[in-house]
Amino acid sequence: METAANSTASVNAKKLFLGSCVSLIATSVAFATVGAVMGHLKTEFGLTNQDIGWIGGAALWGFAVSQLIFSPLADTLGMRALLRMAFVGHLIGTLIMIFATGFATLFLGALVIAMANGLVEAACNPLVATLFPDNKTVKLNQFHVWFPGGIVLGGLASYLLDQVGITSWQVKLALILIPTIAYGVIMLSERFPATEGVQKGVSMGEMFKASLTRPLMLLMLLAMAMTASIELGPNRWLPAVLESGGMPGILVLVWVTGLMAVMRYFAGPLVHRLSPTGILLASSVISAVGLLWLSYAESLGVALAAATIFAIGVCYFWPTMLGFVSERIPRSGALGLGLMGAMGMAVVGIITSPRMGTIADRYAHEQLPVFETVELFEEVQTNLADEAETNPDADAAVTAANNVLEMYRKDGRMPENVTANALRATINSGVDDPVVAHASAILQPADNYGGRVSFRRLVPLCGILFLIFGFLYVQDRKAGGYKVVAIDE
């Protein structure tokens, strides 16, 4: 365990910062790759949508649980111990998924990876703040370059594998091992400092008090729930929404995340010019414009332009929020940073993302042409009947179509969600028949519209953030400008 005697003067700050960045690449590659192979897992293991939801959801709530458990232990166990646990978790979790035999092992592997991702942030956020006590917000922005940066690297690597004919989901998951081994080699033999709180003699009780009772900290936790929702909610939906509208959604996502990475890397001059509260205030306005515009985007050019504004708006939210807490509430220490990350991920995973899905489903259903859809399902009954005898997917499509028609003839309306799922079953039936293309032509525009409406519903959060950050910015101006609070004040 690190001790207070191990000050930052006795460690290789550049090497530890480099290793922290590589560990965050492992986190983002894992986050992106597990999501990218869901379709392959569903097909190979015969999983239901609910099964896939549990596996994918672990990436969010597993991260949050890990941060809540381990962030307070950064002071006692030490940041190197947490990173060693993260390293083992990334290795074991990836191997469990690669050699999985069904839902249970896939879920376990995804959960272990998510816990490792949380451990990386639980260790590296306070590590960066400790290594650079006079420049926390800038260095945390530069550290968090590598979350969107890692998504770009992982996305491009998966794309290149597809181009050379390597489509194995196991190989794609193995990409996680490359940055994992790299950060293990770089960091795990290095000497680590004690956290800033330990060096300054802040007790565990003081850290909990600062994290759980300070009004400013509680306000920032509330703001973190909203900033994370605005950033991560749309980012998780963006490819699916745009692809359902006939656009290459993954390319838009790569553009957005790549732009965020570049802007975070060059955050220094902006932080010094505007101050962290000024950046957060500006980000709330720009995010609102980007989200609103993106919700009306119906062509690739408009989508790219709107996504660019959106990326500029959200790119500084997460790291600047962490920097603000570390600079203005320094006695909250590793626990405060962990609570911020856990709040962001948990709210997105438990509330924002499901809520966006509910909104998208409702508005998509309203866009489905009733008579055309009913006629389609009647064709499914006829055209896929023979295939259904030998093809389980075609049988599922016929059964789903029968259910919709039965409810429609009984109530005179198509059932919400059931209708869209029946269209998806037809599309996924694997049958070479015009009815499949027709189902796609009906569902995709509706899904696109519903998804875009879900973006629009997040815009009011930007208004609330404008009031919060505006208040903090005005208070700073009245006090003569943004001031960093020393941990011993």
Protein backbone atom coordinates (compact mmCIF):
# COMPACT_ATOMS: atom_id res chain seq x y z
CA MET A 1 0.00 0.00 0.00
CA GLU A 2 1.19 3.52 -0.77
CA THR A 3 1.91 5.81 2.15
CA ALA A 4 1.91 9.53 2.63
CA ALA A 5 5.69 9.44 2.41
CA ASN A 6 5.43 8.43 -1.23
CA SER A 7 4.87 11.96 -2.50
CA THR A 8 4.50 12.85 -6.14
CA ALA A 9 8.14 13.94 -6.19
CA SER A 10 9.28 10.31 -5.86
CA VAL A 11 7.23 8.89 -8.74
CA ASN A 12 7.42 9.02 -12.54
CA ALA A 13 4.39 11.23 -13.19
CA LYS A 14 4.70 11.11 -16.99
CA LYS A 15 4.81 7.32 -17.06
CA LEU A 16 1.91 6.97 -14.63
CA PHE A 17 -0.16 9.44 -16.66
CA LEU A 18 0.64 7.52 -19.87
CA GLY A 19 -0.34 4.25 -18.23
CA SER A 20 -3.57 5.83 -16.96
CA CYS A 21 -4.46 6.89 -20.51
CA VAL A 22 -3.77 3.38 -21.86
CA SER A 23 -5.90 1.85 -19.10
CA LEU A 24 -8.76 4.15 -20.11
CA ILE A 25 -8.30 2.95 -23.71
CA ALA A 26 -8.81 -0.60 -22.41
CA THR A 27 -11.99 0.58 -20.70
CA SER A 28 -13.41 2.27 -23.79
CA VAL A 29 -12.40 -0.57 -26.16
CA ALA A 30 -14.15 -2.99 -23.80
CA PHE A 31 -17.21 -0.73 -23.60
CA ALA A 32 -17.43 -0.43 -27.39
CA THR A 33 -16.51 -4.01 -28.29
CA VAL A 34 -18.96 -5.74 -25.94
CA GLY A 35 -21.72 -3.59 -27.42
CA ALA A 36 -20.58 -4.29 -30.98
CA VAL A 37 -20.75 -8.11 -30.69
CA MET A 38 -24.25 -8.29 -29.18
CA GLY A 39 -25.84 -9.27 -32.48
CA HIS A 40 -23.34 -12.11 -32.95
CA LEU A 41 -23.94 -13.35 -29.40
CA LYS A 42 -27.71 -13.30 -29.88
CA THR A 43 -27.46 -15.41 -33.04
CA GLU A 44 -24.84 -17.90 -31.83
CA PHE A 45 -26.31 -18.60 -28.39
CA GLY A 46 -30.00 -18.14 -29.22
CA LEU A 47 -30.41 -15.31 -26.71
CA THR A 48 -33.56 -13.26 -26.24
CA ASN A 49 -33.67 -9.48 -26.34
CA GLN A 50 -34.02 -9.55 -22.56
CA ASP A 51 -30.82 -11.61 -22.28
CA ILE A 52 -29.00 -9.11 -24.48
CA GLY A 53 -30.37 -6.28 -22.37
CA TRP A 54 -28.93 -7.82 -19.21
CA ILE A 55 -25.52 -8.36 -20.78
CA GLY A 56 -25.37 -4.87 -22.26
CA GLY A 57 -26.74 -3.24 -19.11
CA ALA A 58 -23.92 -4.69 -17.04
CA ALA A 59 -21.55 -2.31 -18.85
CA LEU A 60 -23.27 0.62 -17.12
CA TRP A 61 -24.48 -0.49 -13.71
CA GLY A 62 -21.47 -2.79 -13.17
CA PHE A 63 -19.23 0.23 -13.69
CA ALA A 64 -21.28 2.29 -11.22
CA VAL A 65 -21.31 -0.43 -8.54
CA SER A 66 -17.54 -0.87 -8.89
CA GLN A 67 -16.94 2.86 -8.44
CA LEU A 68 -19.15 2.99 -5.35
CA ILE A 69 -17.39 0.03 -3.74
CA PHE A 70 -13.78 0.76 -4.56
CA SER A 71 -13.41 4.56 -4.77
CA PRO A 72 -13.34 4.98 -0.96
CA LEU A 73 -10.62 2.31 -0.83
CA ALA A 74 -8.17 4.30 -2.99
CA ASP A 75 -6.85 5.89 0.22
CA THR A 76 -6.51 2.67 2.22
CA LEU A 77 -5.63 -0.02 -0.35
CA GLY A 78 -3.80 2.38 -2.65
CA MET A 79 -4.35 3.25 -6.29
CA ARG A 80 -1.89 0.63 -7.55
CA ALA A 81 -3.84 -2.13 -5.81
CA LEU A 82 -7.04 -0.98 -7.52
CA LEU A 83 -5.31 -0.97 -10.91
CA ARG A 84 -3.94 -4.46 -10.32
CA MET A 85 -7.50 -5.61 -9.66
CA ALA A 86 -8.63 -3.83 -12.82
CA PHE A 87 -5.90 -5.56 -14.83
CA VAL A 88 -6.94 -8.99 -13.57
CA GLY A 89 -10.60 -8.14 -14.19
CA HIS A 90 -10.00 -7.08 -17.80
CA LEU A 91 -8.03 -10.28 -18.48
CA ILE A 92 -10.39 -12.71 -16.77
CA GLY A 93 -13.61 -11.02 -17.91
CA THR A 94 -12.51 -10.99 -21.55
CA LEU A 95 -11.43 -14.64 -21.45
CA ILE A 96 -14.72 -15.67 -19.79
CA MET A 97 -16.65 -14.02 -22.63
CA ILE A 98 -14.40 -15.45 -25.36
CA PHE A 99 -14.88 -19.00 -24.04
CA ALA A 100 -18.51 -18.51 -22.96
CA THR A 101 -20.98 -21.36 -23.30
CA GLY A 102 -24.24 -19.45 -22.85
CA PHE A 103 -26.04 -16.58 -21.19
CA ALA A 104 -24.66 -17.16 -17.67
CA THR A 105 -20.99 -17.02 -18.67
CA LEU A 106 -21.55 -14.15 -21.11
CA PHE A 107 -23.25 -12.14 -18.37
CA LEU A 108 -20.54 -12.99 -15.85
CA GLY A 109 -17.78 -11.98 -18.27
CA ALA A 110 -19.50 -8.69 -19.13
CA LEU A 111 -20.00 -7.91 -15.44
CA VAL A 112 -16.36 -8.62 -14.57
CA ILE A 113 -15.21 -6.37 -17.44
CA ALA A 114 -17.57 -3.62 -16.26
CA MET A 115 -16.22 -3.89 -12.71
CA ALA A 116 -12.68 -3.61 -14.10
CA ASN A 117 -13.73 -0.50 -16.04
CA GLY A 118 -15.02 1.04 -12.82
CA LEU A 119 -11.79 0.16 -11.03
CA VAL A 120 -9.78 2.02 -13.67
CA GLU A 121 -11.72 5.22 -13.05
CA ALA A 122 -11.74 4.68 -9.28
CA ALA A 123 -7.93 4.56 -9.36
CA CYS A 124 -6.95 6.86 -12.21
CA ASN A 125 -9.15 9.89 -11.55
CA PRO A 126 -7.63 10.49 -8.08
CA LEU A 127 -4.21 9.49 -9.45
CA VAL A 128 -4.31 12.22 -12.11
CA ALA A 129 -5.60 14.74 -9.55
CA THR A 130 -2.75 13.78 -7.20
CA LEU A 131 -0.05 13.91 -9.89
CA PHE A 132 -1.12 17.36 -11.09
CA PRO A 133 -2.58 19.19 -8.06
CA ASP A 134 -2.18 22.63 -9.68
CA ASN A 135 -3.72 21.68 -13.03
CA LYS A 136 -6.44 19.15 -12.26
CA THR A 137 -9.17 20.17 -14.70
CA VAL A 138 -6.83 20.38 -17.70
CA LYS A 139 -5.11 17.05 -16.98
CA LEU A 140 -8.41 15.28 -16.28
CA ASN A 141 -9.66 16.53 -19.66
CA GLN A 142 -6.50 15.20 -21.31
CA PHE A 143 -6.83 11.90 -19.47
CA HIS A 144 -10.45 11.55 -20.61
CA VAL A 145 -9.36 12.09 -24.22
CA TRP A 146 -8.89 8.35 -24.32
CA PHE A 147 -12.44 7.28 -23.61
CA PRO A 148 -13.76 8.61 -26.94
CA GLY A 149 -10.30 8.00 -28.41
CA GLY A 150 -10.44 4.35 -27.44
CA ILE A 151 -13.92 3.99 -28.95
CA VAL A 152 -12.54 5.34 -32.24
CA LEU A 153 -9.56 2.96 -32.10
CA GLY A 154 -11.75 -0.02 -31.24
CA GLY A 155 -14.35 0.88 -33.88
CA LEU A 156 -11.74 1.25 -36.61
CA ALA A 157 -10.03 -1.99 -35.59
CA SER A 158 -13.35 -3.89 -35.78
CA TYR A 159 -14.08 -2.30 -39.15
CA LEU A 160 -10.67 -3.32 -40.52
CA LEU A 161 -11.16 -6.89 -39.27
CA ASP A 162 -14.46 -7.02 -41.17
CA GLN A 163 -12.76 -5.68 -44.30
CA VAL A 164 -10.16 -8.45 -44.30
CA GLY A 165 -12.81 -11.11 -43.71
CA ILE A 166 -12.28 -11.66 -39.96
CA THR A 167 -15.78 -11.47 -38.53
CA SER A 168 -15.29 -13.66 -35.45
CA TRP A 169 -16.76 -12.01 -32.36
CA GLN A 170 -14.11 -13.78 -30.25
CA VAL A 171 -11.34 -12.01 -32.18
CA LYS A 172 -13.08 -8.67 -31.71
CA LEU A 173 -13.37 -9.24 -27.97
CA ALA A 174 -9.67 -10.16 -27.89
CA LEU A 175 -8.91 -6.56 -28.92
CA ILE A 176 -9.54 -5.67 -25.26
CA LEU A 177 -6.44 -7.64 -24.27
CA ILE A 178 -4.06 -5.42 -26.28
CA PRO A 179 -4.41 -2.19 -24.23
CA THR A 180 -4.91 -4.28 -21.08
CA ILE A 181 -1.51 -5.93 -21.39
CA ALA A 182 0.01 -2.58 -22.40
CA TYR A 183 -1.14 -0.71 -19.28
CA GLY A 184 -0.10 -3.67 -17.12
CA VAL A 185 3.43 -3.49 -18.52
CA ILE A 186 3.61 0.30 -18.19
CA MET A 187 2.15 0.78 -14.71
CA LEU A 188 2.03 -2.21 -12.43
CA SER A 189 5.73 -2.20 -11.54
CA GLU A 190 5.81 1.56 -11.00
CA ARG A 191 5.84 3.31 -7.67
CA PHE A 192 2.58 5.13 -6.94
CA PRO A 193 1.97 8.14 -4.73
CA ALA A 194 -0.53 8.16 -1.91
CA THR A 195 -3.71 10.03 -2.75
CA GLU A 196 -3.76 13.78 -2.18
CA GLY A 197 -6.06 13.28 0.80
CA VAL A 198 -3.69 10.84 2.49
CA GLN A 199 -0.73 13.14 1.88
CA LYS A 200 -2.62 16.01 3.53
CA GLY A 201 -3.91 13.94 6.43
CA VAL A 202 -7.61 13.96 5.48
CA SER A 203 -9.40 11.21 7.39
CA MET A 204 -11.93 8.79 5.93
CA GLY A 205 -14.65 10.47 7.98
CA GLU A 206 -13.75 13.90 6.63
CA MET A 207 -13.81 12.54 3.09
CA PHE A 208 -17.28 11.05 3.58
CA LYS A 209 -18.53 14.25 5.20
CA ALA A 210 -17.29 16.39 2.31
CA SER A 211 -18.76 13.96 -0.26
CA LEU A 212 -22.18 13.44 1.30
CA THR A 213 -23.09 16.61 3.21
CA ARG A 214 -21.65 19.59 1.36
CA PRO A 215 -24.46 21.42 -0.52
CA LEU A 216 -22.12 22.16 -3.44
CA MET A 217 -21.24 18.47 -3.73
CA LEU A 218 -24.90 17.45 -3.71
CA LEU A 219 -25.61 20.06 -6.40
CA MET A 220 -22.76 18.70 -8.54
CA LEU A 221 -24.04 15.12 -8.15
CA LEU A 222 -27.42 16.29 -9.44
CA ALA A 223 -25.73 18.11 -12.32
CA MET A 224 -23.63 15.00 -13.08
CA ALA A 225 -26.79 12.94 -13.49
CA MET A 226 -27.97 15.41 -16.14
CA THR A 227 -24.66 15.99 -17.96
CA ALA A 228 -24.04 12.23 -18.21
CA SER A 229 -27.57 11.72 -19.51
CA ILE A 230 -27.05 14.35 -22.20
CA GLU A 231 -23.68 12.90 -23.25
CA LEU A 232 -24.01 9.13 -22.89
CA GLY A 233 -27.72 8.69 -23.55
CA PRO A 234 -27.67 9.95 -27.16
CA ASN A 235 -24.22 8.46 -27.83
CA ARG A 236 -25.51 4.96 -27.09
CA TRP A 237 -28.52 5.48 -29.37
CA LEU A 238 -26.91 7.50 -32.15
CA PRO A 239 -25.77 4.65 -34.47
CA ALA A 240 -29.07 2.76 -34.25
CA VAL A 241 -31.18 5.88 -34.81
CA LEU A 242 -29.23 7.09 -37.81
CA GLU A 243 -28.88 3.63 -39.37
CA SER A 244 -32.63 3.16 -39.15
CA GLY A 245 -32.85 6.32 -41.24
CA GLY A 246 -30.51 4.90 -43.86
CA MET A 247 -27.40 6.74 -42.63
CA PRO A 248 -24.06 5.13 -41.67
CA GLY A 249 -24.59 5.71 -37.96
CA ILE A 250 -21.30 4.13 -36.89
CA LEU A 251 -19.40 6.64 -39.03
CA VAL A 252 -21.25 9.51 -37.39
CA LEU A 253 -20.39 8.04 -33.97
CA VAL A 254 -16.71 7.72 -34.91
CA TRP A 255 -16.72 11.35 -36.07
CA VAL A 256 -18.39 12.52 -32.84
CA THR A 257 -16.08 10.58 -30.53
CA GLY A 258 -12.97 11.50 -32.52
CA LEU A 259 -13.85 15.19 -32.35
CA MET A 260 -14.46 14.91 -28.60
CA ALA A 261 -11.03 13.34 -28.13
CA VAL A 262 -9.24 16.11 -30.04
CA MET A 263 -11.08 18.88 -28.20
CA ARG A 264 -10.35 17.37 -24.78
CA TYR A 265 -6.66 17.10 -25.63
CA PHE A 266 -6.48 20.83 -26.35
CA ALA A 267 -8.65 21.81 -23.37
CA GLY A 268 -5.87 23.72 -21.57
CA PRO A 269 -6.18 27.17 -23.19
CA LEU A 270 -9.98 27.02 -23.02
CA VAL A 271 -9.98 26.13 -19.31
CA HIS A 272 -7.63 29.00 -18.50
CA ARG A 273 -9.60 31.46 -20.65
CA LEU A 274 -13.18 30.58 -19.67
CA SER A 275 -12.69 28.79 -16.30
CA PRO A 276 -14.34 25.42 -15.54
CA THR A 277 -17.69 27.02 -14.66
CA GLY A 278 -17.58 29.08 -17.86
CA ILE A 279 -16.93 25.94 -19.90
CA LEU A 280 -19.80 24.10 -18.23
CA LEU A 281 -22.14 27.04 -18.81
CA ALA A 282 -21.21 27.27 -22.50
CA SER A 283 -21.48 23.49 -22.88
CA SER A 284 -25.08 23.49 -21.60
CA VAL A 285 -26.09 25.96 -24.33
CA ILE A 286 -24.18 24.30 -27.18
CA SER A 287 -25.46 20.84 -26.16
CA ALA A 288 -29.05 22.07 -26.33
CA VAL A 289 -28.53 23.41 -29.86
CA GLY A 290 -26.84 20.20 -31.00
CA LEU A 291 -29.46 17.90 -29.50
CA LEU A 292 -32.38 19.87 -30.86
CA TRP A 293 -30.85 20.05 -34.34
CA LEU A 294 -29.93 16.36 -34.28
CA SER A 295 -33.51 15.49 -33.43
CA TYR A 296 -34.65 17.01 -36.74
CA ALA A 297 -31.77 15.65 -38.89
CA GLU A 298 -33.11 13.68 -41.86
CA SER A 299 -30.05 13.63 -44.13
CA LEU A 300 -26.42 12.61 -43.65
CA GLY A 301 -25.12 16.16 -44.15
CA VAL A 302 -27.47 17.66 -41.57
CA ALA A 303 -26.81 14.78 -39.17
CA LEU A 304 -23.04 15.32 -39.40
CA ALA A 305 -23.40 19.06 -38.83
CA ALA A 306 -25.75 18.58 -35.87
CA ALA A 307 -23.60 15.79 -34.42
CA THR A 308 -20.58 18.11 -34.64
CA ILE A 309 -22.34 20.79 -32.58
CA PHE A 310 -23.51 18.10 -30.15
CA ALA A 311 -19.95 16.77 -29.75
CA ILE A 312 -18.59 20.26 -29.07
CA GLY A 313 -21.30 20.74 -26.45
CA VAL A 314 -20.83 17.52 -24.49
CA CYS A 315 -17.11 16.84 -24.85
CA TYR A 316 -16.04 18.80 -21.77
CA PHE A 317 -18.88 17.81 -19.44
CA TRP A 318 -17.53 14.64 -17.77
CA PRO A 319 -13.86 15.59 -17.17
CA THR A 320 -14.62 19.21 -16.26
CA MET A 321 -17.22 18.10 -13.72
CA LEU A 322 -14.59 15.84 -12.13
CA GLY A 323 -12.02 18.64 -12.25
CA PHE A 324 -14.43 21.09 -10.61
CA VAL A 325 -15.16 18.70 -7.73
CA SER A 326 -11.48 17.94 -7.21
CA GLU A 327 -10.54 21.63 -7.25
CA ARG A 328 -13.46 23.11 -5.30
CA ILE A 329 -14.26 20.24 -2.90
CA PRO A 330 -10.79 18.65 -2.56
CA ARG A 331 -11.55 16.95 0.76
CA SER A 332 -14.10 14.76 -1.01
CA GLY A 333 -11.04 13.01 -2.45
CA ALA A 334 -11.27 9.71 -4.32
CA LEU A 335 -14.75 9.09 -2.91
CA GLY A 336 -16.10 12.33 -4.38
CA LEU A 337 -14.73 11.50 -7.82
CA GLY A 338 -16.07 7.96 -7.56
CA LEU A 339 -19.52 9.18 -6.56
CA MET A 340 -19.59 11.50 -9.55
CA GLY A 341 -18.71 8.71 -11.98
CA ALA A 342 -21.10 6.27 -10.34
CA MET A 343 -23.93 8.80 -10.42
CA GLY A 344 -23.40 9.47 -14.12
CA MET A 345 -23.25 5.85 -15.23
CA ALA A 346 -26.02 4.63 -12.92
CA VAL A 347 -28.54 7.28 -13.97
CA VAL A 348 -27.85 6.68 -17.66
CA GLY A 349 -28.08 2.90 -17.30
CA ILE A 350 -31.10 2.73 -14.99
CA ILE A 351 -33.15 5.80 -15.99
CA THR A 352 -32.03 7.74 -19.08
CA SER A 353 -31.35 4.96 -21.57
CA PRO A 354 -34.51 2.94 -20.76
CA ARG A 355 -36.56 6.14 -20.77
CA MET A 356 -35.21 7.11 -24.19
CA GLY A 357 -36.12 3.64 -25.40
CA THR A 358 -39.67 3.99 -24.09
CA ILE A 359 -40.10 7.36 -25.81
CA ALA A 360 -38.62 6.02 -29.05
CA ASP A 361 -40.95 2.99 -29.01
CA ARG A 362 -44.06 5.09 -28.40
CA TYR A 363 -43.40 7.64 -31.15
CA ALA A 364 -42.16 5.00 -33.58
CA HIS A 365 -45.39 3.06 -33.10
CA GLU A 366 -47.43 6.17 -33.92
CA GLN A 367 -45.58 6.46 -37.24
CA LEU A 368 -46.36 2.93 -38.44
CA PRO A 369 -48.90 2.94 -41.32
CA VAL A 370 -51.72 0.79 -40.00
CA PHE A 371 -53.25 -0.66 -43.14
CA GLU A 372 -49.91 -1.20 -44.89
CA THR A 373 -48.52 -2.96 -41.79
CA VAL A 374 -51.61 -5.19 -41.46
CA GLU A 375 -51.34 -6.17 -45.13
CA LEU A 376 -47.66 -6.97 -44.60
CA PHE A 377 -48.43 -9.36 -41.74
CA GLU A 378 -51.05 -11.08 -43.87
CA GLU A 379 -48.34 -11.60 -46.50
CA VAL A 380 -46.01 -12.96 -43.80
CA GLN A 381 -48.63 -15.56 -42.90
CA THR A 382 -48.78 -16.69 -46.52
CA ASN A 383 -45.22 -16.24 -47.79
CA LEU A 384 -43.33 -17.58 -44.78
CA ALA A 385 -45.62 -20.49 -43.91
CA ASP A 386 -43.54 -23.13 -45.71
CA GLU A 387 -40.23 -21.76 -44.36
CA ALA A 388 -41.66 -21.74 -40.83
CA GLU A 389 -41.79 -25.55 -40.80
CA THR A 390 -37.98 -25.84 -40.93
CA ASN A 391 -36.71 -22.36 -40.01
CA PRO A 392 -37.19 -21.33 -36.32
CA ASP A 393 -36.65 -17.63 -37.16
CA ALA A 394 -39.32 -17.75 -39.88
CA ASP A 395 -41.63 -19.57 -37.48
CA ALA A 396 -41.08 -16.82 -34.90
CA ALA A 397 -41.95 -14.20 -37.54
CA VAL A 398 -45.18 -15.98 -38.49
CA THR A 399 -46.18 -16.41 -34.84
CA ALA A 400 -45.50 -12.74 -34.12
CA ALA A 401 -47.50 -11.66 -37.19
CA ASN A 402 -50.42 -13.87 -36.10
CA ASN A 403 -50.41 -12.26 -32.64
CA VAL A 404 -50.57 -8.74 -34.09
CA LEU A 405 -53.35 -9.62 -36.51
CA GLU A 406 -55.35 -11.35 -33.80
CA MET A 407 -55.16 -8.28 -31.52
CA TYR A 408 -55.88 -5.92 -34.42
CA ARG A 409 -59.01 -7.82 -35.43
CA LYS A 410 -60.16 -7.86 -31.82
CA ASP A 411 -59.50 -4.21 -30.85
CA GLY A 412 -59.18 -2.46 -34.20
CA ARG A 413 -55.67 -1.21 -33.42
CA MET A 414 -52.14 -2.53 -33.58
CA PRO A 415 -50.58 -3.25 -30.15
CA GLU A 416 -47.68 -1.01 -29.15
CA ASN A 417 -44.22 -2.69 -29.01
CA VAL A 418 -45.66 -6.04 -30.12
CA THR A 419 -46.11 -4.66 -33.65
CA ALA A 420 -42.57 -3.34 -33.92
CA ASN A 421 -41.17 -6.58 -32.52
CA ALA A 422 -43.17 -8.55 -35.10
CA LEU A 423 -41.66 -6.40 -37.86
CA ARG A 424 -38.19 -7.05 -36.41
CA ALA A 425 -38.92 -10.78 -36.32
CA THR A 426 -39.83 -10.62 -40.01
CA ILE A 427 -36.64 -8.72 -40.84
CA ASN A 428 -34.55 -11.24 -38.86
CA SER A 429 -36.27 -14.30 -40.31
CA GLY A 430 -33.46 -14.88 -42.79
CA VAL A 431 -35.93 -15.59 -45.58
CA ASP A 432 -35.23 -14.40 -49.14
CA ASP A 433 -38.62 -12.85 -49.79
CA PRO A 434 -39.81 -9.32 -50.72
CA VAL A 435 -41.84 -9.24 -47.50
CA VAL A 436 -38.60 -8.89 -45.51
CA ALA A 437 -37.51 -5.78 -47.41
CA HIS A 438 -41.05 -4.40 -47.10
CA ALA A 439 -40.96 -4.86 -43.31
CA SER A 440 -37.66 -3.01 -43.14
CA ALA A 441 -39.05 -0.17 -45.28
CA ILE A 442 -41.95 0.23 -42.84
CA LEU A 443 -40.01 -0.06 -39.58
CA GLN A 444 -36.82 1.88 -40.23
CA PRO A 445 -38.33 5.35 -40.83
CA ALA A 446 -40.56 4.91 -37.79
CA ASP A 447 -37.64 3.83 -35.59
CA ASN A 448 -35.60 6.76 -36.85
CA TYR A 449 -38.36 9.24 -36.00
CA GLY A 450 -38.94 7.77 -32.54
CA GLY A 451 -35.24 7.86 -31.73
CA ARG A 452 -34.92 11.48 -32.83
CA VAL A 453 -37.86 12.47 -30.62
CA SER A 454 -36.09 10.83 -27.66
CA PHE A 455 -33.11 13.15 -28.32
CA ARG A 456 -35.45 16.15 -28.23
CA ARG A 457 -36.81 15.18 -24.83
CA LEU A 458 -33.35 15.66 -23.25
CA VAL A 459 -33.14 19.33 -24.23
CA PRO A 460 -34.94 20.60 -21.07
CA LEU A 461 -32.09 19.12 -19.00
CA CYS A 462 -29.75 21.54 -20.78
CA GLY A 463 -31.97 24.39 -19.56
CA ILE A 464 -31.70 23.23 -15.95
CA LEU A 465 -27.92 22.91 -16.30
CA PHE A 466 -27.78 26.42 -17.74
CA LEU A 467 -29.36 27.72 -14.53
CA ILE A 468 -27.05 25.69 -12.27
CA PHE A 469 -23.82 26.56 -14.07
CA GLY A 470 -24.96 30.12 -14.64
CA PHE A 471 -25.42 30.53 -10.89
CA LEU A 472 -21.94 29.09 -10.18
CA TYR A 473 -20.36 31.27 -12.88
CA VAL A 474 -21.96 34.44 -11.51
CA GLN A 475 -20.84 33.53 -7.99
CA ASP A 476 -17.27 33.11 -9.26
CA ARG A 477 -17.37 36.47 -10.99
CA LYS A 478 -18.61 38.14 -7.82
CA ALA A 479 -15.74 36.54 -5.91
CA GLY A 480 -13.18 37.90 -8.38
CA GLY A 481 -12.91 34.83 -10.61
CA TYR A 482 -12.65 31.04 -10.39
CA LYS A 483 -10.46 29.98 -7.48
CA VAL A 484 -9.02 26.55 -6.72
CA VAL A 485 -9.52 25.54 -3.08
CA ALA A 486 -6.47 24.11 -1.37
CA ILE A 487 -7.15 20.80 0.41
CA ASP A 488 -5.93 22.19 3.74
CA GLU A 489 -8.18 25.29 3.59
